[in-house]
C-alpha atoms as a PDB file:
ATOM      1  CA  MET A   1       0.000   0.000   0.000  1.00  0.00           C
ATOM      2  CA  SER A   2       1.311   3.435  -0.864  1.00  0.00           C
ATOM      3  CA  LEU A   3       1.488   5.898   1.986  1.00  0.00           C
ATOM      4  CA  PHE A   4       0.842   8.717  -0.482  1.00  0.00           C
ATOM      5  CA  GLY A   5      -2.856   8.713   0.368  1.00  0.00           C
ATOM      6  CA  VAL A   6      -2.272   8.957   4.118  1.00  0.00           C
ATOM      7  CA  GLY A   7      -0.062  12.024   4.121  1.00  0.00           C
ATOM      8  CA  CYS A   8       3.267  10.509   3.142  1.00  0.00           C
ATOM      9  CA  GLY A   9       5.491  11.030   0.149  1.00  0.00           C
ATOM     10  CA  GLY A  10       4.585  14.441  -1.137  1.00  0.00           C
ATOM     11  CA  SER A  11       1.350  15.672   0.398  1.00  0.00           C
ATOM     12  CA  ALA A  12       0.732  19.414   0.180  1.00  0.00           C
ATOM     13  CA  ARG A  13       1.849  19.788   3.797  1.00  0.00           C
ATOM     14  CA  ASP A  14       5.067  17.831   3.103  1.00  0.00           C
ATOM     15  CA  VAL A  15       5.826  20.175   0.211  1.00  0.00           C
ATOM     16  CA  ARG A  16       5.261  23.126   2.585  1.00  0.00           C
ATOM     17  CA  VAL A  17       7.810  21.569   4.976  1.00  0.00           C
ATOM     18  CA  LEU A  18      10.368  21.400   2.161  1.00  0.00           C
ATOM     19  CA  ALA A  19       9.714  25.067   1.352  1.00  0.00           C
ATOM     20  CA  TRP A  20      10.071  25.976   5.057  1.00  0.00           C
ATOM     21  CA  VAL A  21      13.357  24.045   5.284  1.00  0.00           C
ATOM     22  CA  HIS A  22      14.773  26.159   2.441  1.00  0.00           C
ATOM     23  CA  ALA A  23      14.411  29.222   4.690  1.00  0.00           C
ATOM     24  CA  GLN A  24      16.416  27.576   7.501  1.00  0.00           C
ATOM     25  CA  SER A  25      20.178  27.844   7.932  1.00  0.00           C
ATOM     26  CA  VAL A  26      21.293  24.353   6.951  1.00  0.00           C
ATOM     27  CA  ALA A  27      24.923  24.391   5.871  1.00  0.00           C
ATOM     28  CA  PRO A  28      25.980  22.661   2.651  1.00  0.00           C
ATOM     29  CA  GLN A  29      27.187  19.087   3.093  1.00  0.00           C
ATOM     30  CA  SER A  30      25.400  18.695   6.415  1.00  0.00           C
ATOM     31  CA  THR A  31      22.531  16.847   8.032  1.00  0.00           C
ATOM     32  CA  GLN A  32      20.261  18.288  10.705  1.00  0.00           C
ATOM     33  CA  GLU A  33      17.179  17.297  12.642  1.00  0.00           C
ATOM     34  CA  ILE A  34      14.944  20.338  13.117  1.00  0.00           C
ATOM     35  CA  SER A  35      11.771  20.850  15.164  1.00  0.00           C
ATOM     36  CA  LEU A  36       8.856  21.836  12.968  1.00  0.00           C
ATOM     37  CA  PRO A  37       6.953  25.074  13.597  1.00  0.00           C
ATOM     38  CA  GLY A  38       3.418  24.907  14.989  1.00  0.00           C
ATOM     39  CA  ASP A  39       1.537  24.895  11.695  1.00  0.00           C
ATOM     40  CA  LEU A  40       3.684  22.021  10.345  1.00  0.00           C
ATOM     41  CA  VAL A  41       4.024  19.878  13.501  1.00  0.00           C
ATOM     42  CA  GLY A  42       1.557  17.281  12.221  1.00  0.00           C
ATOM     43  CA  ALA A  43       3.678  16.562   9.136  1.00  0.00           C
ATOM     44  CA  SER A  44       5.669  13.974  11.088  1.00  0.00           C
ATOM     45  CA  ALA A  45       5.072  11.592  13.973  1.00  0.00           C
ATOM     46  CA  ASP A  46       7.759  13.233  16.110  1.00  0.00           C
ATOM     47  CA  ALA A  47       7.192  16.880  15.047  1.00  0.00           C
ATOM     48  CA  ARG A  48      10.679  16.943  13.503  1.00  0.00           C
ATOM     49  CA  VAL A  49      12.166  16.965  10.007  1.00  0.00           C
ATOM     50  CA  HIS A  50      15.499  15.439   9.029  1.00  0.00           C
ATOM     51  CA  VAL A  51      17.336  17.555   6.466  1.00  0.00           C
ATOM     52  CA  ALA A  52      20.248  16.656   4.187  1.00  0.00           C
ATOM     53  CA  ARG A  53      21.863  19.529   2.311  1.00  0.00           C
ATOM     54  CA  LEU A  54      23.994  17.862  -0.341  1.00  0.00           C
ATOM     55  CA  ALA A  55      27.309  19.109  -1.719  1.00  0.00           C
ATOM     56  CA  ASP A  56      25.717  20.051  -5.057  1.00  0.00           C
ATOM     57  CA  GLY A  57      23.106  22.237  -3.332  1.00  0.00           C
ATOM     58  CA  ARG A  58      20.158  19.832  -3.411  1.00  0.00           C
ATOM     59  CA  THR A  59      18.043  19.529  -0.278  1.00  0.00           C
ATOM     60  CA  CYS A  60      16.268  16.352   0.831  1.00  0.00           C
ATOM     61  CA  ILE A  61      13.935  15.961   3.774  1.00  0.00           C
ATOM     62  CA  LEU A  62      12.727  12.917   5.659  1.00  0.00           C
ATOM     63  CA  LEU A  63       9.442  13.051   7.543  1.00  0.00           C
ATOM     64  CA  LYS A  64       8.846  10.049   9.787  1.00  0.00           C
ATOM     65  CA  LYS A  65       5.116   9.302   9.536  1.00  0.00           C
ATOM     66  CA  SER A  66       5.077   6.415  12.003  1.00  0.00           C
ATOM     67  CA  ILE A  67       7.749   5.241  14.425  1.00  0.00           C
ATOM     68  CA  GLY A  68       7.736   1.744  15.798  1.00  0.00           C
ATOM     69  CA  TRP A  69       9.730  -0.668  17.874  1.00  0.00           C
ATOM     70  CA  LYS A  70      13.538  -0.241  17.808  1.00  0.00           C
ATOM     71  CA  SER A  71      12.982   3.157  16.160  1.00  0.00           C
ATOM     72  CA  ASN A  72      11.891   1.523  12.902  1.00  0.00           C
ATOM     73  CA  PHE A  73       9.868   3.961  10.842  1.00  0.00           C
ATOM     74  CA  GLU A  74       7.770   4.615   7.761  1.00  0.00           C
ATOM     75  CA  GLY A  75       8.102   8.003   6.164  1.00  0.00           C
ATOM     76  CA  GLY A  76       8.295  10.294   3.204  1.00  0.00           C
ATOM     77  CA  LEU A  77      11.472  11.411   1.438  1.00  0.00           C
ATOM     78  CA  LEU A  78      11.219  14.567  -0.654  1.00  0.00           C
ATOM     79  CA  CYS A  79      14.027  16.322  -2.515  1.00  0.00           C
ATOM     80  CA  ASP A  80      14.004  19.643  -4.327  1.00  0.00           C
ATOM     81  CA  ALA A  81      15.753  18.054  -7.330  1.00  0.00           C
ATOM     82  CA  PRO A  82      15.916  14.484  -8.644  1.00  0.00           C
ATOM     83  CA  LEU A  83      18.072  11.925  -6.911  1.00  0.00           C
ATOM     84  CA  LEU A  84      21.017  10.725  -8.971  1.00  0.00           C
ATOM     85  CA  PRO A  85      20.865   7.150 -10.302  1.00  0.00           C
ATOM     86  CA  ALA A  86      23.764   6.161  -7.999  1.00  0.00           C
ATOM     87  CA  GLU A  87      21.760   7.355  -4.970  1.00  0.00           C
ATOM     88  CA  ILE A  88      19.043   4.754  -5.581  1.00  0.00           C
ATOM     89  CA  VAL A  89      20.717   1.424  -4.955  1.00  0.00           C
ATOM     90  CA  ALA A  90      19.181  -1.494  -6.797  1.00  0.00           C
ATOM     91  CA  ALA A  91      18.939  -4.557  -4.610  1.00  0.00           C
ATOM     92  CA  PRO A  92      18.846  -8.222  -5.651  1.00  0.00           C
ATOM     93  CA  PRO A  93      15.432  -9.476  -6.830  1.00  0.00           C
ATOM     94  CA  ALA A  94      14.350 -10.594  -3.349  1.00  0.00           C
ATOM     95  CA  SER A  95      15.127  -7.241  -1.708  1.00  0.00           C
ATOM     96  CA  ARG A  96      13.881  -3.696  -2.115  1.00  0.00           C
ATOM     97  CA  ALA A  97      15.909  -0.857  -3.566  1.00  0.00           C
ATOM     98  CA  TYR A  98      17.106   1.748  -1.118  1.00  0.00           C
ATOM     99  CA  VAL A  99      18.133   5.391  -1.148  1.00  0.00           C
ATOM    100  CA  SER A 100      21.660   6.059   0.043  1.00  0.00           C
ATOM    101  CA  LEU A 101      23.070   9.543   0.573  1.00  0.00           C
ATOM    102  CA  PRO A 102      26.526   8.689   1.985  1.00  0.00           C
ATOM    103  CA  GLY A 103      27.675  10.874   4.852  1.00  0.00           C
ATOM    104  CA  HIS A 104      24.129  11.947   5.725  1.00  0.00           C
ATOM    105  CA  ALA A 105      23.311   9.672   8.689  1.00  0.00           C
ATOM    106  CA  VAL A 106      19.639   8.637   8.556  1.00  0.00           C
ATOM    107  CA  PHE A 107      19.664   9.131   4.756  1.00  0.00           C
ATOM    108  CA  GLU A 108      22.233   6.369   4.169  1.00  0.00           C
ATOM    109  CA  GLU A 109      19.782   3.425   4.135  1.00  0.00           C
ATOM    110  CA  LEU A 110      16.164   4.292   3.399  1.00  0.00           C
ATOM    111  CA  TYR A 111      14.312   1.375   1.847  1.00  0.00           C
ATOM    112  CA  VAL A 112      11.945   2.363  -0.949  1.00  0.00           C
ATOM    113  CA  ARG A 113       8.360   1.224  -0.547  1.00  0.00           C
ATOM    114  CA  THR A 114       7.076   3.371  -3.434  1.00  0.00           C
ATOM    115  CA  GLN A 115       8.828   5.750  -5.815  1.00  0.00           C
ATOM    116  CA  HIS A 116       6.405   8.430  -6.997  1.00  0.00           C
ATOM    117  CA  ASP A 117       8.911  10.269  -9.162  1.00  0.00           C
ATOM    118  CA  LYS A 118      12.650  11.005  -9.104  1.00  0.00           C
ATOM    119  CA  ARG A 119      12.243  13.324  -6.082  1.00  0.00           C
ATOM    120  CA  THR A 120       9.488  11.750  -3.972  1.00  0.00           C
ATOM    121  CA  PHE A 121       9.500   8.391  -2.200  1.00  0.00           C
ATOM    122  CA  ASP A 122       7.648   6.460   0.470  1.00  0.00           C
ATOM    123  CA  VAL A 123      10.465   4.950   2.530  1.00  0.00           C
ATOM    124  CA  TYR A 124      11.013   2.842   5.594  1.00  0.00           C
ATOM    125  CA  PHE A 125      13.779   1.714   7.888  1.00  0.00           C
ATOM    126  CA  ASP A 126      13.632  -1.677   9.554  1.00  0.00           C
ATOM    127  CA  LEU A 127      16.359  -2.642  12.008  1.00  0.00           C
ATOM    128  CA  ASN A 128      14.869  -6.195  12.078  1.00  0.00           C
END
């Protein structure tokens, strides 16, 4: 099931979070976890957004929509420009592809549940 219909992976509010993040002071080549302002708090389960500002200037955000046992989560990944082919790692036939943004902590292993386009994904992390 795609999470797109339940507020994940590119809802209007998620797009507003990405726009809000652009106004924040996130240094290039860094990763931050930022508390969301009041009108955007409901965009994630923990009222926070994870931000990766890549070396080439692209910005990606991760909004955790549900957080489970061992901090496993389901969420939405949105970027302001397409991910590069090398950033979407194809897995063997029995496994799912995953997004990997090396050097950006939580963005290094996000398993793809659904890819909506080259910038918007429903993702999850499962520690097992």
